[in-house]
Amino acid sequence: MIPRLSDLDVAGKRVLMRVDFNVPVRDGVVGDDTRIRAALPTIRALLDEGATLFLMSHLGRPKGQPDDAARLGPVAAHLGALLEREVRYLACDGPGSEAQQAFVASAPEGSVTLLENTRFDARETKNDPSLARILVGYADAFVNDAFGAMHRAHASTEGVARLLPSAVGLLVERELTMLGRLTDAPERPFKVILGGAKVSDKIGVLENLLDKVDEVFIGGAMAYTFFKAQGGAVGASLVEDDKLDVARDMLARAETLGVRVHLPVDSVCALEVKADVETEVHPSIAIPDGWMGLDAGPVAVTAWRDALADAKTVFWNGPLGVFEVPPFDLGTRAVADAVAGLDAFTVVGGGDSVAAINASGKADRIDHISTGGGASLEFLEGTPLPGIEVLRR
């Protein structure tokens, strides 16, 4: 059993809570705040129980030392606006610094404090027990509500859980329940859409789910590895040449299992990746030299929309093109619109997929938008997540 929030006595206690506030910040302003909003139910539940909260999160990749570009001040301000209350924050050298320890000690009862970026200290990613011991000195209990960091054995995720009464938060509990529906007797037809750049990032999910699904849709740059594996001409499209055998084996296994694999039959192509560049549409197996496939073409999008229509369970992770550079976002947006319109149990994960669903204005029609990214993929691969396994123990 995994301890849940209801199993933890937090009334009048100081609670250390790991959150995933690794959100885009530009010019001191938070962009997509999906991950912050996802943590609000657990934060509010703990405050309602009379807890004093100390929130921990990483932001970006500061490489074990302070980095002004990765400070959590803008996140603290944004969280305070959402909660409509003060969120204490101190810019400092990071977890375990004398300044932070003094700031924590001065926290009023019932207050909310967002601690400085956990990755300002190199001991964090090394899961150093000395840092974990400092952090657990801040509180009486630990709640992990950072599903997006559950696949990392870090001091703020796995280390502290060994030393304090611990539980998962409401966000993590929901993630485990919803993702579990994809692996535990999903309603059929079950269809999986995988996009993104690399076959190597998604191969584990494909291998683990292939005997559970009815159809697989493979898009994004990873599709061109599959086309080349079948002898297609893919021009200058991104290809993982060391994964051609893996792609051939996966296609053969899918055929043996009776799983239909959909690849984008045509592609929107260009000579370079930049906005408003000249584009041409070519068959994905016959892209001219020098041209790159950068998005699913119009025929592919229509075919995928039609093939998804009868789905009863759908999991989607990864964009179908270079989503961040228009006009190569159109295929991803079209699939987002199609998935949102299905009469099915739908789960979406991955930054660009979530951004596309949010941009479609139909996020409320998706049953579950995962905050996990890599963690959700590893869960679906069947890989144990350190942040969960330590709680089982």
Protein backbone atom coordinates (compact mmCIF):
# COMPACT_ATOMS: atom_id res chain seq x y z
CA MET A 1 0.00 0.00 0.00
CA ILE A 2 1.12 3.53 -0.76
CA PRO A 3 0.38 5.95 2.13
CA ARG A 4 -2.06 8.65 1.10
CA LEU A 5 -2.74 12.12 2.43
CA SER A 6 -5.59 10.82 4.58
CA ASP A 7 -3.15 8.44 6.30
CA LEU A 8 -0.94 11.28 7.54
CA ASP A 9 -1.58 13.31 10.71
CA VAL A 10 -0.66 16.88 9.82
CA ALA A 11 -2.83 18.94 12.18
CA GLY A 12 -0.68 21.69 13.68
CA LYS A 13 2.48 20.19 12.18
CA ARG A 14 5.18 21.48 9.88
CA VAL A 15 4.99 19.64 6.56
CA LEU A 16 7.66 19.40 3.89
CA MET A 17 5.99 19.02 0.49
CA ARG A 18 7.71 18.20 -2.80
CA VAL A 19 5.93 19.86 -5.73
CA ASP A 20 6.73 20.04 -9.43
CA PHE A 21 6.84 23.73 -10.22
CA ASN A 22 9.27 23.30 -13.12
CA VAL A 23 7.27 25.70 -15.29
CA PRO A 24 8.23 28.13 -18.05
CA VAL A 25 9.29 31.53 -16.70
CA ARG A 26 10.11 34.42 -19.02
CA ASP A 27 10.99 37.95 -17.98
CA GLY A 28 9.94 37.13 -14.42
CA VAL A 29 6.47 35.90 -15.43
CA VAL A 30 5.16 32.33 -15.26
CA GLY A 31 3.83 31.03 -18.58
CA ASP A 32 1.90 27.76 -18.53
CA ASP A 33 0.90 27.24 -14.87
CA THR A 34 -0.72 23.81 -15.33
CA ARG A 35 1.66 22.15 -12.88
CA ILE A 36 1.18 24.83 -10.24
CA ARG A 37 -2.60 24.61 -10.45
CA ALA A 38 -2.41 20.81 -10.25
CA ALA A 39 -0.80 21.05 -6.80
CA LEU A 40 -3.41 23.43 -5.36
CA PRO A 41 -5.83 20.76 -4.05
CA THR A 42 -3.13 19.15 -1.90
CA ILE A 43 -1.80 22.50 -0.69
CA ARG A 44 -5.29 23.63 0.30
CA ALA A 45 -6.10 20.31 1.96
CA LEU A 46 -2.97 20.53 4.13
CA LEU A 47 -3.66 24.14 5.06
CA ASP A 48 -7.25 23.24 5.97
CA GLU A 49 -5.83 20.65 8.37
CA GLY A 50 -3.77 23.34 10.09
CA ALA A 51 -0.36 22.46 8.62
CA THR A 52 2.53 24.86 8.11
CA LEU A 53 3.92 24.22 4.64
CA PHE A 54 7.42 24.22 3.18
CA LEU A 55 7.30 23.57 -0.56
CA MET A 56 10.29 22.21 -2.49
CA SER A 57 10.74 22.27 -6.26
CA HIS A 58 13.39 22.40 -8.93
CA LEU A 59 13.29 24.76 -11.89
CA GLY A 60 15.39 24.27 -14.98
CA ARG A 61 18.88 22.76 -14.81
CA PRO A 62 21.11 25.00 -12.70
CA LYS A 63 23.86 22.34 -12.38
CA GLY A 64 24.23 22.25 -8.62
CA GLN A 65 24.86 25.92 -7.97
CA PRO A 66 22.85 29.16 -7.68
CA ASP A 67 21.61 30.54 -10.97
CA ASP A 68 19.62 33.77 -11.01
CA ALA A 69 17.75 32.65 -14.14
CA ALA A 70 16.36 29.65 -12.24
CA ARG A 71 15.22 31.32 -9.03
CA LEU A 72 11.72 30.52 -7.83
CA GLY A 73 10.66 34.05 -6.93
CA PRO A 74 8.25 34.45 -9.89
CA VAL A 75 6.73 31.07 -9.06
CA ALA A 76 6.18 32.09 -5.42
CA ALA A 77 4.43 35.27 -6.58
CA HIS A 78 2.23 33.34 -9.01
CA LEU A 79 1.33 30.73 -6.40
CA GLY A 80 0.45 33.47 -3.93
CA ALA A 81 -1.94 35.00 -6.47
CA LEU A 82 -3.62 31.64 -7.05
CA LEU A 83 -3.96 30.95 -3.32
CA GLU A 84 -4.90 34.57 -2.58
CA ARG A 85 -2.48 34.63 0.33
CA GLU A 86 1.18 35.31 1.02
CA VAL A 87 3.70 32.72 -0.08
CA ARG A 88 6.99 33.29 1.73
CA TYR A 89 10.13 33.10 -0.38
CA LEU A 90 13.78 33.93 0.18
CA ALA A 91 16.31 34.15 -2.63
CA CYS A 92 19.36 32.32 -1.30
CA ASP A 93 22.05 29.81 -2.19
CA GLY A 94 19.59 26.96 -2.04
CA PRO A 95 18.54 24.06 0.18
CA GLY A 96 20.50 23.71 3.36
CA SER A 97 22.02 27.20 3.30
CA GLU A 98 22.19 29.00 6.65
CA ALA A 99 19.93 31.74 5.29
CA GLN A 100 17.28 29.21 4.30
CA GLN A 101 17.46 27.39 7.61
CA ALA A 102 16.93 30.66 9.50
CA PHE A 103 14.06 31.60 7.14
CA VAL A 104 12.37 28.25 7.76
CA ALA A 105 12.79 28.56 11.52
CA SER A 106 11.00 31.93 11.44
CA ALA A 107 7.94 30.67 9.53
CA PRO A 108 4.66 31.58 11.30
CA GLU A 109 2.24 28.80 12.12
CA GLY A 110 -0.09 28.08 9.18
CA SER A 111 2.11 29.86 6.65
CA VAL A 112 3.24 28.72 3.19
CA THR A 113 6.93 28.94 2.25
CA LEU A 114 8.38 28.12 -1.16
CA LEU A 115 12.01 27.11 -0.69
CA GLU A 116 14.70 28.04 -3.19
CA ASN A 117 15.44 25.78 -6.18
CA THR A 118 16.48 22.36 -4.86
CA ARG A 119 18.99 21.96 -7.68
CA PHE A 120 21.07 24.90 -6.50
CA ASP A 121 22.75 22.26 -4.32
CA ALA A 122 24.67 19.50 -6.11
CA ARG A 123 23.72 17.08 -3.33
CA GLU A 124 20.10 17.10 -4.51
CA THR A 125 20.52 15.07 -7.70
CA LYS A 126 23.07 12.81 -5.98
CA ASN A 127 20.45 11.93 -3.33
CA ASP A 128 23.05 12.83 -0.71
CA PRO A 129 21.87 11.80 2.79
CA SER A 130 23.51 14.88 4.31
CA LEU A 131 21.13 17.16 2.37
CA ALA A 132 18.14 14.96 3.14
CA ARG A 133 18.93 15.22 6.86
CA ILE A 134 18.97 19.03 6.66
CA LEU A 135 15.64 19.09 4.81
CA VAL A 136 13.86 16.74 7.20
CA GLY A 137 14.93 19.04 10.03
CA TYR A 138 12.47 21.56 8.62
CA ALA A 139 9.35 19.50 9.27
CA ASP A 140 7.48 16.73 11.05
CA ALA A 141 6.09 14.99 7.94
CA PHE A 142 6.64 14.75 4.20
CA VAL A 143 4.16 14.80 1.30
CA ASN A 144 5.31 14.06 -2.23
CA ASP A 145 2.95 15.58 -4.78
CA ALA A 146 5.54 15.97 -7.56
CA PHE A 147 4.58 13.20 -9.95
CA GLY A 148 6.85 14.71 -12.59
CA ALA A 149 9.85 14.04 -10.32
CA MET A 150 8.81 10.59 -9.06
CA HIS A 151 11.20 8.86 -11.47
CA ARG A 152 14.18 10.62 -9.90
CA ALA A 153 15.88 9.30 -6.76
CA HIS A 154 16.83 12.73 -5.43
CA ALA A 155 17.27 14.03 -1.89
CA SER A 156 13.98 15.97 -2.06
CA THR A 157 11.98 13.04 -3.43
CA GLU A 158 13.43 9.75 -2.23
CA GLY A 159 15.93 10.77 0.45
CA VAL A 160 13.57 12.66 2.76
CA ALA A 161 10.87 10.00 2.43
CA ARG A 162 13.19 7.54 4.19
CA LEU A 163 13.42 9.79 7.24
CA LEU A 164 9.95 11.24 7.85
CA PRO A 165 6.36 9.96 8.09
CA SER A 166 5.41 10.29 4.42
CA ALA A 167 2.54 10.06 1.95
CA VAL A 168 1.65 10.95 -1.63
CA GLY A 169 -0.46 14.00 -2.32
CA LEU A 170 -3.79 14.18 -4.14
CA LEU A 171 -2.14 14.91 -7.48
CA VAL A 172 0.09 11.83 -7.35
CA GLU A 173 -2.81 9.70 -6.15
CA ARG A 174 -4.88 10.80 -9.16
CA GLU A 175 -1.98 10.23 -11.57
CA LEU A 176 -1.51 6.66 -10.34
CA THR A 177 -5.24 5.96 -10.60
CA MET A 178 -5.68 7.41 -14.07
CA LEU A 179 -2.49 6.00 -15.60
CA GLY A 180 -3.34 2.67 -13.98
CA ARG A 181 -6.50 2.56 -16.08
CA LEU A 182 -4.32 2.40 -19.18
CA THR A 183 -2.47 -0.71 -18.05
CA ASP A 184 -5.17 -2.51 -16.08
CA ALA A 185 -7.82 -3.85 -18.48
CA PRO A 186 -8.45 -0.66 -20.54
CA GLU A 187 -11.71 -0.41 -22.44
CA ARG A 188 -11.21 -1.38 -26.10
CA PRO A 189 -10.41 -0.24 -28.70
CA PHE A 190 -7.32 1.13 -26.95
CA LYS A 191 -5.26 3.47 -29.14
CA VAL A 192 -1.92 5.10 -28.36
CA ILE A 193 -0.49 8.18 -30.07
CA LEU A 194 3.25 8.71 -29.66
CA GLY A 195 5.16 11.63 -31.11
CA GLY A 196 8.33 13.55 -30.44
CA ALA A 197 11.85 13.41 -31.75
CA LYS A 198 13.33 10.10 -30.69
CA VAL A 199 12.32 6.46 -30.89
CA SER A 200 14.66 5.86 -27.95
CA ASP A 201 12.47 8.05 -25.71
CA LYS A 202 9.31 6.05 -26.41
CA ILE A 203 10.50 2.53 -27.17
CA GLY A 204 9.93 1.35 -23.60
CA VAL A 205 6.29 2.45 -23.70
CA LEU A 206 5.79 0.77 -27.07
CA GLU A 207 7.30 -2.48 -25.84
CA ASN A 208 5.23 -2.54 -22.65
CA LEU A 209 1.90 -1.52 -24.18
CA LEU A 210 2.06 -3.25 -27.54
CA ASP A 211 0.26 -6.37 -26.34
CA LYS A 212 -2.39 -4.24 -24.60
CA VAL A 213 -3.37 -1.89 -27.43
CA ASP A 214 -5.31 -2.21 -30.67
CA GLU A 215 -3.67 0.55 -32.70
CA VAL A 216 -0.53 2.69 -32.42
CA PHE A 217 -0.06 6.07 -34.11
CA ILE A 218 3.57 7.13 -34.51
CA GLY A 219 4.28 10.74 -35.44
CA GLY A 220 6.84 13.46 -34.97
CA ALA A 221 10.45 13.09 -36.04
CA MET A 222 10.52 9.54 -34.66
CA ALA A 223 8.27 8.48 -37.55
CA TYR A 224 11.10 9.01 -40.04
CA THR A 225 13.22 6.37 -38.31
CA PHE A 226 10.38 3.94 -39.03
CA PHE A 227 10.09 5.08 -42.64
CA LYS A 228 13.81 4.70 -43.23
CA ALA A 229 13.72 1.29 -41.55
CA GLN A 230 11.22 0.26 -44.26
CA GLY A 231 13.46 1.53 -47.05
CA GLY A 232 11.83 4.94 -47.50
CA ALA A 233 13.62 8.10 -48.61
CA VAL A 234 13.33 10.69 -45.85
CA GLY A 235 15.58 13.48 -47.13
CA ALA A 236 17.24 15.42 -44.32
CA SER A 237 14.61 14.44 -41.74
CA LEU A 238 15.82 13.59 -38.26
CA VAL A 239 16.57 9.86 -38.03
CA GLU A 240 18.11 7.65 -35.34
CA ASP A 241 20.19 5.36 -37.51
CA ASP A 242 21.14 3.22 -34.52
CA LYS A 243 17.45 2.48 -33.93
CA LEU A 244 16.54 1.21 -37.41
CA ASP A 245 16.67 -2.43 -36.27
CA VAL A 246 14.56 -1.56 -33.23
CA ALA A 247 11.95 0.06 -35.48
CA ARG A 248 11.89 -2.97 -37.82
CA ASP A 249 11.53 -5.34 -34.87
CA MET A 250 8.73 -3.25 -33.40
CA LEU A 251 6.80 -3.25 -36.68
CA ALA A 252 7.24 -7.02 -37.01
CA ARG A 253 6.08 -7.61 -33.44
CA ALA A 254 3.03 -5.39 -33.98
CA GLU A 255 2.11 -7.38 -37.08
CA THR A 256 2.43 -10.64 -35.15
CA LEU A 257 0.18 -9.30 -32.39
CA GLY A 258 -2.38 -7.93 -34.86
CA VAL A 259 -1.75 -4.34 -33.75
CA ARG A 260 -2.26 -1.82 -36.53
CA VAL A 261 0.52 0.80 -36.78
CA HIS A 262 -0.31 4.19 -38.30
CA LEU A 263 2.47 6.36 -39.70
CA PRO A 264 1.82 9.78 -41.31
CA VAL A 265 1.51 9.05 -45.01
CA ASP A 266 2.45 12.61 -45.97
CA SER A 267 4.55 15.31 -44.35
CA VAL A 268 4.83 19.08 -44.35
CA CYS A 269 8.47 19.65 -45.34
CA ALA A 270 10.94 22.53 -45.44
CA LEU A 271 14.63 23.15 -46.04
CA GLU A 272 15.09 24.68 -42.58
CA VAL A 273 13.23 25.04 -39.31
CA LYS A 274 11.98 28.60 -38.97
CA ALA A 275 8.69 30.42 -38.92
CA ASP A 276 7.08 31.33 -42.26
CA VAL A 277 9.59 29.29 -44.27
CA GLU A 278 8.55 27.93 -47.68
CA THR A 279 6.92 24.51 -47.24
CA GLU A 280 5.97 21.62 -49.48
CA VAL A 281 3.93 18.49 -48.80
CA HIS A 282 5.54 15.20 -49.82
CA PRO A 283 4.81 11.50 -49.24
CA SER A 284 6.65 10.61 -46.05
CA ILE A 285 8.46 7.74 -47.80
CA ALA A 286 9.66 9.97 -50.67
CA ILE A 287 10.98 13.21 -49.20
CA PRO A 288 13.47 14.92 -51.57
CA ASP A 289 17.13 15.35 -50.63
CA GLY A 290 17.71 18.34 -48.39
CA TRP A 291 14.08 18.61 -47.30
CA MET A 292 12.99 17.74 -43.77
CA GLY A 293 9.68 16.30 -42.65
CA LEU A 294 8.56 18.69 -39.90
CA ASP A 295 4.86 17.98 -39.41
CA ALA A 296 2.16 15.50 -40.33
CA GLY A 297 0.58 16.36 -43.67
CA PRO A 298 -3.11 17.01 -44.40
CA VAL A 299 -3.84 13.49 -45.69
CA ALA A 300 -2.23 11.96 -42.58
CA VAL A 301 -4.17 14.22 -40.24
CA THR A 302 -7.50 13.31 -41.87
CA ALA A 303 -6.66 9.60 -41.82
CA TRP A 304 -5.66 9.70 -38.16
CA ARG A 305 -8.79 11.60 -37.17
CA ASP A 306 -10.94 8.97 -38.92
CA ALA A 307 -8.99 6.06 -37.40
CA LEU A 308 -9.34 7.47 -33.88
CA ALA A 309 -13.10 7.94 -34.12
CA ASP A 310 -14.14 4.60 -32.58
CA ALA A 311 -11.54 4.59 -29.77
CA LYS A 312 -12.70 3.95 -26.20
CA THR A 313 -9.32 4.53 -24.54
CA VAL A 314 -6.61 6.90 -25.83
CA PHE A 315 -3.17 7.82 -24.52
CA TRP A 316 -1.28 10.60 -26.30
CA ASN A 317 2.28 11.70 -25.60
CA GLY A 318 4.40 13.84 -27.90
CA PRO A 319 3.84 16.30 -30.76
CA LEU A 320 3.41 15.35 -34.42
CA GLY A 321 5.77 18.07 -35.61
CA VAL A 322 7.99 20.95 -34.53
CA PHE A 323 5.07 22.29 -32.54
CA GLU A 324 6.87 25.36 -31.20
CA VAL A 325 7.56 26.74 -34.70
CA PRO A 326 4.49 27.59 -36.81
CA PRO A 327 3.41 26.43 -39.34
CA PHE A 328 4.66 23.04 -38.12
CA ASP A 329 2.15 23.00 -35.26
CA LEU A 330 -0.97 22.36 -37.35
CA GLY A 331 -0.86 18.55 -37.25
CA THR A 332 -0.47 18.49 -33.48
CA ARG A 333 -3.30 20.98 -33.02
CA ALA A 334 -5.59 18.99 -35.32
CA VAL A 335 -4.99 15.78 -33.38
CA ALA A 336 -5.55 17.65 -30.11
CA ASP A 337 -8.92 18.75 -31.43
CA ALA A 338 -9.75 15.20 -32.53
CA VAL A 339 -8.79 13.61 -29.21
CA ALA A 340 -10.78 16.21 -27.26
CA GLY A 341 -13.86 15.34 -29.29
CA LEU A 342 -13.79 11.59 -28.67
CA ASP A 343 -16.32 9.66 -26.63
CA ALA A 344 -13.52 7.81 -24.86
CA PHE A 345 -11.34 7.74 -21.75
CA THR A 346 -8.51 10.07 -22.75
CA VAL A 347 -5.13 10.72 -21.14
CA VAL A 348 -2.66 13.30 -22.45
CA GLY A 349 0.92 13.73 -21.22
CA GLY A 350 4.04 15.56 -22.35
CA GLY A 351 4.61 19.31 -22.55
CA ASP A 352 3.76 19.93 -26.21
CA SER A 353 0.77 17.60 -26.16
CA VAL A 354 -0.60 19.39 -23.10
CA ALA A 355 0.11 22.78 -24.68
CA ALA A 356 -1.80 21.73 -27.80
CA ILE A 357 -4.77 20.56 -25.77
CA ASN A 358 -4.78 23.81 -23.80
CA ALA A 359 -4.52 25.83 -27.03
CA SER A 360 -7.49 23.93 -28.46
CA GLY A 361 -9.66 25.30 -25.67
CA LYS A 362 -10.92 21.78 -24.97
CA ALA A 363 -8.69 20.70 -22.10
CA ASP A 364 -11.79 20.26 -19.96
CA ARG A 365 -12.88 17.45 -22.30
CA ILE A 366 -9.77 15.37 -21.58
CA ASP A 367 -10.25 12.91 -18.72
CA HIS A 368 -6.71 13.30 -17.43
CA ILE A 369 -3.86 15.65 -18.33
CA SER A 370 -0.74 14.16 -16.81
CA THR A 371 1.88 16.42 -15.27
CA GLY A 372 4.37 13.56 -15.40
CA GLY A 373 6.31 13.80 -18.64
CA GLY A 374 9.14 11.32 -18.18
CA ALA A 375 7.56 9.90 -15.04
CA SER A 376 4.33 8.99 -16.82
CA LEU A 377 6.30 7.31 -19.61
CA GLU A 378 8.37 5.28 -17.15
CA PHE A 379 5.20 4.28 -15.29
CA LEU A 380 3.69 3.04 -18.55
CA GLU A 381 6.94 1.25 -19.36
CA GLY A 382 6.46 -0.70 -16.14
CA THR A 383 9.59 0.84 -14.62
CA PRO A 384 9.44 1.26 -10.81
CA LEU A 385 9.46 4.94 -9.79
CA PRO A 386 11.88 5.62 -6.89
CA GLY A 387 9.60 8.26 -5.35
CA ILE A 388 6.80 5.70 -5.15
CA GLU A 389 8.83 2.65 -4.22
CA VAL A 390 10.34 4.33 -1.16
CA LEU A 391 6.82 4.93 0.14
CA ARG A 392 5.87 1.29 -0.40
CA ARG A 393 8.74 0.41 1.93
